[in-house]
Protein backbone atom coordinates (compact mmCIF):
# COMPACT_ATOMS: atom_id res chain seq x y z
CA UNK A 1 -42.61 -22.64 -55.48
CA UNK A 2 -42.97 -20.89 -58.59
CA UNK A 3 -43.31 -24.21 -60.79
CA UNK A 4 -46.39 -25.00 -58.38
CA UNK A 5 -47.83 -21.52 -58.74
CA UNK A 6 -47.26 -21.83 -62.58
CA UNK A 7 -49.10 -24.99 -63.23
CA UNK A 8 -52.17 -23.67 -60.69
CA UNK A 9 -52.32 -20.39 -62.96
CA UNK A 10 -52.11 -22.94 -66.19
CA UNK A 11 -55.03 -25.17 -64.80
CA UNK A 12 -57.59 -22.17 -63.97
CA UNK A 13 -56.99 -20.76 -67.60
CA UNK A 14 -57.58 -23.96 -69.10
CA UNK A 15 -60.86 -24.44 -66.79
CA UNK A 16 -62.23 -21.39 -68.04
CA UNK A 17 -61.76 -22.01 -71.39
CA UNK A 18 -63.50 -24.88 -71.27
CA UNK A 19 -66.68 -23.21 -69.11
CA UNK A 20 -66.38 -20.42 -71.75
CA UNK A 21 -66.99 -22.97 -74.55
CA UNK A 22 -69.05 -25.53 -72.51
CA UNK A 23 -71.31 -27.50 -75.05
CA UNK A 24 -72.90 -30.72 -74.42
CA UNK A 25 -70.39 -32.49 -76.52
CA UNK A 26 -67.48 -30.94 -74.28
CA UNK A 27 -68.82 -32.58 -70.96
CA UNK A 28 -66.37 -35.71 -71.06
CA UNK A 29 -63.47 -33.14 -71.65
CA UNK A 30 -64.45 -30.99 -68.34
CA UNK A 31 -64.50 -33.91 -66.44
CA UNK A 32 -61.56 -35.09 -67.57
CA UNK A 33 -59.83 -31.55 -66.34
CA UNK A 34 -61.30 -31.55 -62.97
CA UNK A 35 -59.66 -35.17 -62.71
CA UNK A 36 -56.56 -33.63 -63.52
CA UNK A 37 -57.06 -30.82 -61.14
CA UNK A 38 -57.45 -33.02 -58.55
CA UNK A 39 -54.12 -35.03 -59.27
CA UNK A 40 -52.68 -31.40 -59.41
CA UNK A 41 -53.73 -30.61 -56.15
CA UNK A 42 -52.72 -33.60 -54.53
CA UNK A 43 -48.90 -33.25 -56.69
CA UNK A 44 -49.23 -29.19 -54.82
CA UNK A 45 -49.81 -30.63 -51.39
CA UNK A 46 -47.23 -33.33 -51.54
CA UNK A 47 -44.66 -31.01 -52.98
CA UNK A 48 -45.28 -28.11 -50.05
CA UNK A 49 -44.67 -30.63 -47.25
CA UNK A 50 -41.19 -31.65 -49.23
CA UNK A 51 -40.22 -27.87 -49.06
CA UNK A 52 -36.68 -27.66 -47.45
CA UNK A 53 -36.54 -26.13 -43.87
CA UNK A 54 -34.04 -23.55 -45.19
CA UNK A 55 -36.70 -21.81 -47.32
CA UNK A 56 -38.44 -21.02 -44.09
CA UNK A 57 -38.37 -17.32 -43.00
CA UNK A 58 -36.91 -17.48 -39.15
CA UNK A 59 -38.29 -14.58 -37.55
CA UNK A 60 -35.26 -12.97 -35.00
CA UNK A 61 -35.67 -10.99 -32.03
CA UNK A 62 -33.85 -7.32 -31.78
CA UNK A 63 -31.70 -7.04 -28.71
CA UNK A 64 -28.63 -5.46 -27.64
CA UNK A 65 -25.91 -6.41 -25.92
CA UNK A 66 -22.32 -5.69 -24.14
CA UNK A 67 -19.10 -7.43 -24.35
CA UNK A 68 -17.57 -8.35 -20.61
CA UNK A 69 -14.18 -7.22 -19.86
CA UNK A 70 -12.29 -7.68 -16.36
CA UNK A 71 -12.80 -4.51 -14.36
CA UNK A 72 -12.21 -3.22 -10.80
CA UNK A 73 -15.28 -3.93 -8.64
CA UNK A 74 -15.78 -2.59 -4.84
CA UNK A 75 -17.41 -4.13 -2.05
CA UNK A 76 -18.80 -1.43 0.65
CA UNK A 77 -21.15 -0.87 3.56
CA UNK A 78 -22.98 2.53 3.17
CA UNK A 79 -24.38 4.69 6.11
CA UNK A 80 -24.71 8.03 7.52
CA UNK A 81 -22.47 10.09 9.94
CA UNK A 82 -21.61 13.58 11.30
CA UNK A 83 -18.30 15.64 10.92
CA UNK A 84 -16.86 16.36 14.48
CA UNK A 85 -13.71 18.08 15.55
CA UNK A 86 -10.98 16.46 17.52
CA UNK A 87 -10.58 19.38 19.48
CA UNK A 88 -14.55 20.59 20.28
CA UNK A 89 -14.30 21.32 24.05
CA UNK A 90 -16.79 22.83 26.29
CA UNK A 91 -14.58 24.89 29.03
CA UNK A 92 -16.04 24.94 32.34
CA UNK A 93 -15.30 26.97 35.37
CA UNK A 94 -12.88 25.57 38.15
CA UNK A 95 -14.62 27.85 40.87
CA UNK A 96 -17.75 29.10 42.11
CA UNK A 97 -18.53 33.22 42.00
CA UNK A 98 -19.81 35.60 39.97
CA UNK A 99 -18.36 36.41 36.59
CA UNK A 100 -16.84 39.98 36.30
CA UNK A 101 -15.50 39.94 32.99
CA UNK A 102 -15.95 38.15 29.78
CA UNK A 103 -12.55 38.62 27.58
CA UNK A 104 -13.90 36.94 24.15
CA UNK A 105 -17.02 36.82 21.75
CA UNK A 106 -18.23 34.12 19.52
CA UNK A 107 -16.06 33.75 16.43
CA UNK A 108 -12.83 34.93 18.03
CA UNK A 109 -9.90 33.21 17.33
CA UNK A 110 -8.01 32.36 20.81
CA UNK A 111 -4.67 30.52 21.47
CA UNK A 112 -4.07 28.06 24.26
CA UNK A 113 -3.92 29.26 27.91
CA UNK A 114 -5.92 32.48 26.99
CA UNK A 115 -8.01 33.76 29.48
CA UNK A 116 -12.10 34.26 28.46
CA UNK A 117 -13.67 35.08 31.35
CA UNK A 118 -12.94 35.98 35.16
CA UNK A 119 -14.76 35.17 38.26
CA UNK A 120 -14.70 37.39 41.30
CA UNK A 121 -11.40 36.82 42.76
CA UNK A 122 -11.28 40.37 45.30
CA UNK A 123 -11.13 38.19 48.31
CA UNK A 124 -8.19 36.13 47.22
CA UNK A 125 -6.28 38.86 45.87
CA UNK A 126 -6.58 40.60 49.52
CA UNK A 127 -5.60 37.47 51.02
CA UNK A 128 -2.63 37.20 48.84
CA UNK A 129 -1.31 40.41 49.35
CA UNK A 130 -1.87 39.87 53.18
CA UNK A 131 0.36 36.33 52.73
CA UNK A 132 3.00 38.21 50.73
CA UNK A 133 3.39 40.69 53.58
CA UNK A 134 3.91 37.68 56.04
CA UNK A 135 6.01 36.19 53.99
CA UNK A 136 8.24 39.03 53.13
CA UNK A 137 8.56 39.59 57.22
CA UNK A 138 9.09 35.80 57.56
CA UNK A 139 11.76 35.68 54.98
CA UNK A 140 13.78 38.32 56.60
CA UNK A 141 13.62 36.97 60.10
CA UNK A 142 14.74 33.88 58.62
CA UNK A 143 17.89 35.54 56.83
CA UNK A 144 19.04 37.04 59.88
CA UNK A 145 18.33 34.02 62.01
CA UNK A 146 20.58 32.04 59.66
CA UNK A 147 23.43 34.49 59.61
CA UNK A 148 23.32 33.79 63.12
CA UNK A 149 23.16 30.45 63.13
CA UNK A 150 26.28 30.37 60.57
CA UNK A 151 28.56 32.14 63.11
CA UNK A 152 27.58 29.81 65.91
CA UNK A 153 25.03 32.48 67.79
CA UNK A 154 21.80 31.55 68.89
CA UNK A 155 20.08 28.15 69.34
CA UNK A 156 19.32 25.70 66.12
CA UNK A 157 15.29 25.96 67.72
CA UNK A 158 15.30 29.21 67.04
CA UNK A 159 17.19 28.94 63.29
CA UNK A 160 14.25 25.95 62.58
CA UNK A 161 11.56 28.06 63.67
CA UNK A 162 12.38 30.93 61.08
CA UNK A 163 12.78 28.48 58.63
CA UNK A 164 9.54 26.36 59.12
CA UNK A 165 7.74 29.47 59.30
CA UNK A 166 9.14 31.18 56.11
CA UNK A 167 8.50 27.68 54.30
CA UNK A 168 5.19 27.38 55.40
CA UNK A 169 4.06 30.84 54.34
CA UNK A 170 5.40 29.96 50.90
CA UNK A 171 3.46 26.99 50.58
CA UNK A 172 0.19 29.23 51.76
CA UNK A 173 0.89 31.75 49.26
CA UNK A 174 1.51 29.12 46.54
CA UNK A 175 -2.29 27.52 47.53
CA UNK A 176 -3.74 31.06 47.35
CA UNK A 177 -2.37 31.58 43.59
CA UNK A 178 -3.58 28.50 42.59
CA UNK A 179 -6.92 29.20 43.99
CA UNK A 180 -6.89 32.49 42.12
CA UNK A 181 -5.99 30.96 38.77
CA UNK A 182 -8.88 28.91 38.99
CA UNK A 183 -11.08 31.67 38.77
CA UNK A 184 -9.72 32.65 35.20
CA UNK A 185 -11.62 30.45 32.96
CA UNK A 186 -8.96 29.68 30.59
CA UNK A 187 -9.14 27.86 26.85
CA UNK A 188 -7.13 24.59 26.58
CA UNK A 189 -6.71 24.69 23.20
CA UNK A 190 -5.96 27.02 20.32
CA UNK A 191 -9.32 27.54 18.13
CA UNK A 192 -11.93 29.29 17.60
CA UNK A 193 -14.90 30.53 20.15
CA UNK A 194 -18.13 28.89 18.66
CA UNK A 195 -20.16 29.57 21.98
CA UNK A 196 -20.07 31.93 24.84
CA UNK A 197 -22.53 30.90 27.82
CA UNK A 198 -21.91 33.11 30.58
CA UNK A 199 -22.37 36.92 31.15
CA UNK A 200 -21.21 39.68 33.49
CA UNK A 201 -23.10 39.62 37.05
CA UNK A 202 -23.97 35.90 36.33
CA UNK A 203 -23.05 33.24 39.14
CA UNK A 204 -21.01 30.14 38.04
CA UNK A 205 -20.38 26.72 39.73
CA UNK A 206 -17.57 24.35 39.18
CA UNK A 207 -18.12 22.25 36.22
CA UNK A 208 -20.75 24.74 34.46
CA UNK A 209 -20.19 25.29 30.87
CA UNK A 210 -18.61 28.77 30.15
CA UNK A 211 -17.64 28.59 26.53
CA UNK A 212 -17.28 26.43 23.66
CA UNK A 213 -13.73 26.23 21.70
CA UNK A 214 -13.40 24.48 18.63
CA UNK A 215 -10.06 23.56 16.25
CA UNK A 216 -11.37 22.84 12.93
CA UNK A 217 -7.95 22.31 11.85
CA UNK A 218 -8.47 18.83 12.85
CA UNK A 219 -11.67 17.10 12.18
CA UNK A 220 -13.01 13.58 12.02
CA UNK A 221 -16.38 11.60 10.56
CA UNK A 222 -18.11 9.49 13.14
CA UNK A 223 -20.50 6.98 11.83
CA UNK A 224 -22.39 3.78 13.00
CA UNK A 225 -22.21 0.59 11.20
CA UNK A 226 -24.22 -2.09 11.56
CA UNK A 227 -22.71 -5.26 14.00
CA UNK A 228 -23.06 -7.46 10.95
CA UNK A 229 -19.52 -5.78 9.45
CA UNK A 230 -18.02 -6.09 12.67
CA UNK A 231 -15.51 -8.69 11.45
CA UNK A 232 -15.28 -6.99 7.81
CA UNK A 233 -14.19 -3.36 8.46
CA UNK A 234 -10.75 -2.58 9.45
CA UNK A 235 -8.45 0.24 10.40
CA UNK A 236 -6.94 1.64 7.16
CA UNK A 237 -9.92 0.69 5.03
CA UNK A 238 -10.42 2.96 2.09
CA UNK A 239 -13.72 5.30 2.65
CA UNK A 240 -15.63 7.89 0.18
CA UNK A 241 -17.58 10.66 2.04
CA UNK A 242 -19.87 12.55 0.34
CA UNK A 243 -20.93 15.71 1.75
CA UNK A 244 -24.24 16.52 0.42
CA UNK A 245 -24.14 20.65 1.76
CA UNK A 246 -20.43 20.79 -0.57
CA UNK A 247 -21.64 18.89 -3.19
CA UNK A 248 -18.48 16.81 -3.01
CA UNK A 249 -16.63 13.52 -2.33
CA UNK A 250 -13.49 13.06 -0.20
CA UNK A 251 -11.28 9.93 -0.02
CA UNK A 252 -10.07 9.08 3.29
CA UNK A 253 -9.55 5.84 5.23
CA UNK A 254 -10.93 4.19 8.40
CA UNK A 255 -8.97 5.77 11.27
CA UNK A 256 -10.89 4.22 14.37
CA UNK A 257 -13.12 1.05 14.60
CA UNK A 258 -15.21 0.32 18.01
CA UNK A 259 -14.72 -2.92 19.74
CA UNK A 260 -18.38 -2.55 21.47
CA UNK A 261 -21.39 -3.20 19.89
CA UNK A 262 -24.60 -0.47 20.99
CA UNK A 263 -27.01 -2.90 23.00
CA UNK A 264 -29.92 -0.68 21.40
CA UNK A 265 -28.97 0.02 17.50
CA UNK A 266 -26.82 -3.11 17.40
CA UNK A 267 -23.88 -1.11 15.91
CA UNK A 268 -20.21 0.15 16.29
CA UNK A 269 -18.48 3.23 16.01
CA UNK A 270 -16.31 4.16 13.00
CA UNK A 271 -14.23 7.42 12.63
CA UNK A 272 -12.49 8.57 9.59
CA UNK A 273 -9.88 11.39 9.47
CA UNK A 274 -10.83 14.33 7.46
CA UNK A 275 -8.67 16.92 5.84
CA UNK A 276 -8.64 20.40 7.02
CA UNK A 277 -10.88 22.30 4.77
CA UNK A 278 -12.26 26.41 5.45
CA UNK A 279 -15.82 24.80 4.51
CA UNK A 280 -16.26 21.68 6.55
CA UNK A 281 -17.87 22.18 9.77
CA UNK A 282 -18.56 20.09 12.87
CA UNK A 283 -21.91 18.32 12.96
CA UNK A 284 -22.08 18.54 9.19
CA UNK A 285 -24.06 15.42 7.99
CA UNK A 286 -22.42 13.19 5.22
CA UNK A 287 -23.02 9.64 3.57
CA UNK A 288 -20.13 7.31 4.01
CA UNK A 289 -19.06 4.09 1.89
CA UNK A 290 -16.59 2.12 3.60
CA UNK A 291 -14.78 -0.07 1.01
CA UNK A 292 -14.05 -3.61 2.81
CA UNK A 293 -13.12 -5.93 -0.26
CA UNK A 294 -11.67 -4.86 -4.05
CA UNK A 295 -11.64 -6.98 -7.03
CA UNK A 296 -8.82 -6.02 -9.40
CA UNK A 297 -10.23 -8.03 -12.18
CA UNK A 298 -14.17 -8.80 -11.88
CA UNK A 299 -16.58 -9.82 -14.41
CA UNK A 300 -19.66 -7.54 -13.93
CA UNK A 301 -23.16 -7.06 -15.79
CA UNK A 302 -26.07 -4.79 -14.73
CA UNK A 303 -28.12 -6.21 -11.95
CA UNK A 304 -31.50 -6.06 -13.80
CA UNK A 305 -30.35 -8.77 -16.88
CA UNK A 306 -29.65 -11.14 -14.07
CA UNK A 307 -33.01 -13.11 -13.71
CA UNK A 308 -34.50 -16.16 -11.51
CA UNK A 309 -35.63 -19.19 -13.20
CA UNK A 310 -36.68 -22.50 -11.76
CA UNK A 311 -34.39 -21.38 -8.62
CA UNK A 312 -31.42 -20.61 -11.02
CA UNK A 313 -30.16 -17.21 -11.69
CA UNK A 314 -29.53 -16.97 -15.38
CA UNK A 315 -28.25 -14.50 -17.93
CA UNK A 316 -28.52 -14.88 -21.71
CA UNK A 317 -25.47 -14.19 -23.95
CA UNK A 318 -25.06 -13.94 -27.65
CA UNK A 319 -23.83 -17.27 -29.57
CA UNK A 320 -23.29 -18.05 -33.40
CA UNK A 321 -25.07 -20.96 -34.86
CA UNK A 322 -24.14 -21.30 -38.88
CA UNK A 323 -24.83 -17.99 -40.41
CA UNK A 324 -27.42 -16.52 -37.60
CA UNK A 325 -26.85 -15.26 -34.00
CA UNK A 326 -28.88 -17.14 -31.24
CA UNK A 327 -29.56 -16.59 -27.02
CA UNK A 328 -27.77 -19.09 -24.93
CA UNK A 329 -28.52 -19.21 -21.45
CA UNK A 330 -25.79 -19.36 -18.73
CA UNK A 331 -26.48 -20.02 -15.30
CA UNK A 332 -24.57 -17.61 -12.95
CA UNK A 333 -23.00 -17.17 -9.68
CA UNK A 334 -23.89 -13.53 -7.76
CA UNK A 335 -21.00 -12.91 -5.39
CA UNK A 336 -22.03 -9.31 -4.66
CA UNK A 337 -24.25 -6.42 -5.81
CA UNK A 338 -23.28 -2.94 -5.67
CA UNK A 339 -24.46 0.43 -7.60
CA UNK A 340 -26.90 -1.78 -9.74
CA UNK A 341 -24.31 -3.87 -10.89
CA UNK A 342 -23.75 -7.47 -10.03
CA UNK A 343 -20.19 -9.27 -9.61
CA UNK A 344 -20.80 -12.77 -11.49
CA UNK A 345 -18.99 -15.98 -11.98
CA UNK A 346 -20.10 -18.47 -14.61
CA UNK A 347 -19.73 -16.18 -17.83
CA UNK A 348 -16.40 -14.94 -19.21
CA UNK A 349 -14.52 -12.01 -20.35
CA UNK A 350 -14.85 -11.57 -24.09
CA UNK A 351 -18.59 -12.75 -24.20
CA UNK A 352 -21.51 -10.85 -25.02
CA UNK A 353 -24.68 -10.68 -22.28
CA UNK A 354 -27.58 -9.49 -23.77
CA UNK A 355 -29.10 -5.97 -21.67
CA UNK A 356 -31.94 -5.10 -24.10
CA UNK A 357 -34.37 -7.56 -24.94
CA UNK A 358 -33.33 -10.30 -22.58
CA UNK A 359 -37.29 -10.48 -21.46
CA UNK A 360 -38.86 -13.47 -22.70
CA UNK A 361 -35.93 -15.15 -24.50
CA UNK A 362 -35.61 -18.87 -24.51
CA UNK A 363 -32.14 -20.59 -24.93
CA UNK A 364 -31.70 -21.11 -28.69
CA UNK A 365 -33.83 -18.46 -29.76
CA UNK A 366 -32.75 -16.52 -33.23
CA UNK A 367 -32.02 -13.07 -32.26
CA UNK A 368 -30.37 -9.68 -33.94
CA UNK A 369 -28.32 -7.11 -32.62
């Protein structure tokens, strides 16, 4: 190229000199120089065509890439759920009557069997007292009759009548005591009183809730999962529970998988055991990830670098061509996409996948990292 430029430069100097000294007797010389110029131009064009491609400046596209390495990759299903207590009980009345006493307040700790409220039992108590008096007399008569019978005095009928009368009164007294016990509304579990639904003077009927007792030491998370995963999720699967109110994650396992599908929502129930923590409360909302498959050595790429081209999924990797780097197209298969990462096959560990500047690349295009 330098020689060609020099020839052109010399020619221009010669022409300038000839024009400056142009006289009638120099016309022949000027014609000769123009002819030489045409011949030189022709040679210059020929030389330019013969210039080797190695001397052409190649434009390279700036890109960034990451080197692939096997890593752990988890397949999961994500859904919403709520915290519930295994022992979250509405305590109901067993008999009808008027509330005469309420022994607890909301937030109070109670033990199993503790009386929460009392229903009017004045009539029953009176009947019990009368029955005890009758039983005392019947017992005395029976003991005397038994002593006589042991001495072969009196008849067997008298002895049996006294015995039967005593036993009958004992059963009636036991029934009255059971009836009286039903007027006491008791906590079936140990826990904390969360609600008190009755007041002194109110009427209450059997089955009507009187209070709620919750044991927060035994909590679980209840969620509904799409029926598409009914054969995938199993008891013991890893679960990551996120509690937004506490800004923390809890790792646990699936403790129960429902066997029926809800007709309306087309979901099935999943339960997860939770550890005992003071800040956890029943009915808190939570997001859960149920991990149903774990790959220990997966090849993973950012999902956005996977492009659709002519019905194929492709990525571009960095390859060497002589002393230069080029982009090479690779057709991949996407096995799963989670957390903006794609588990793929078709590329290998150690290869570099282009993650910045991949848009608009073509196979074999020169690149620069």
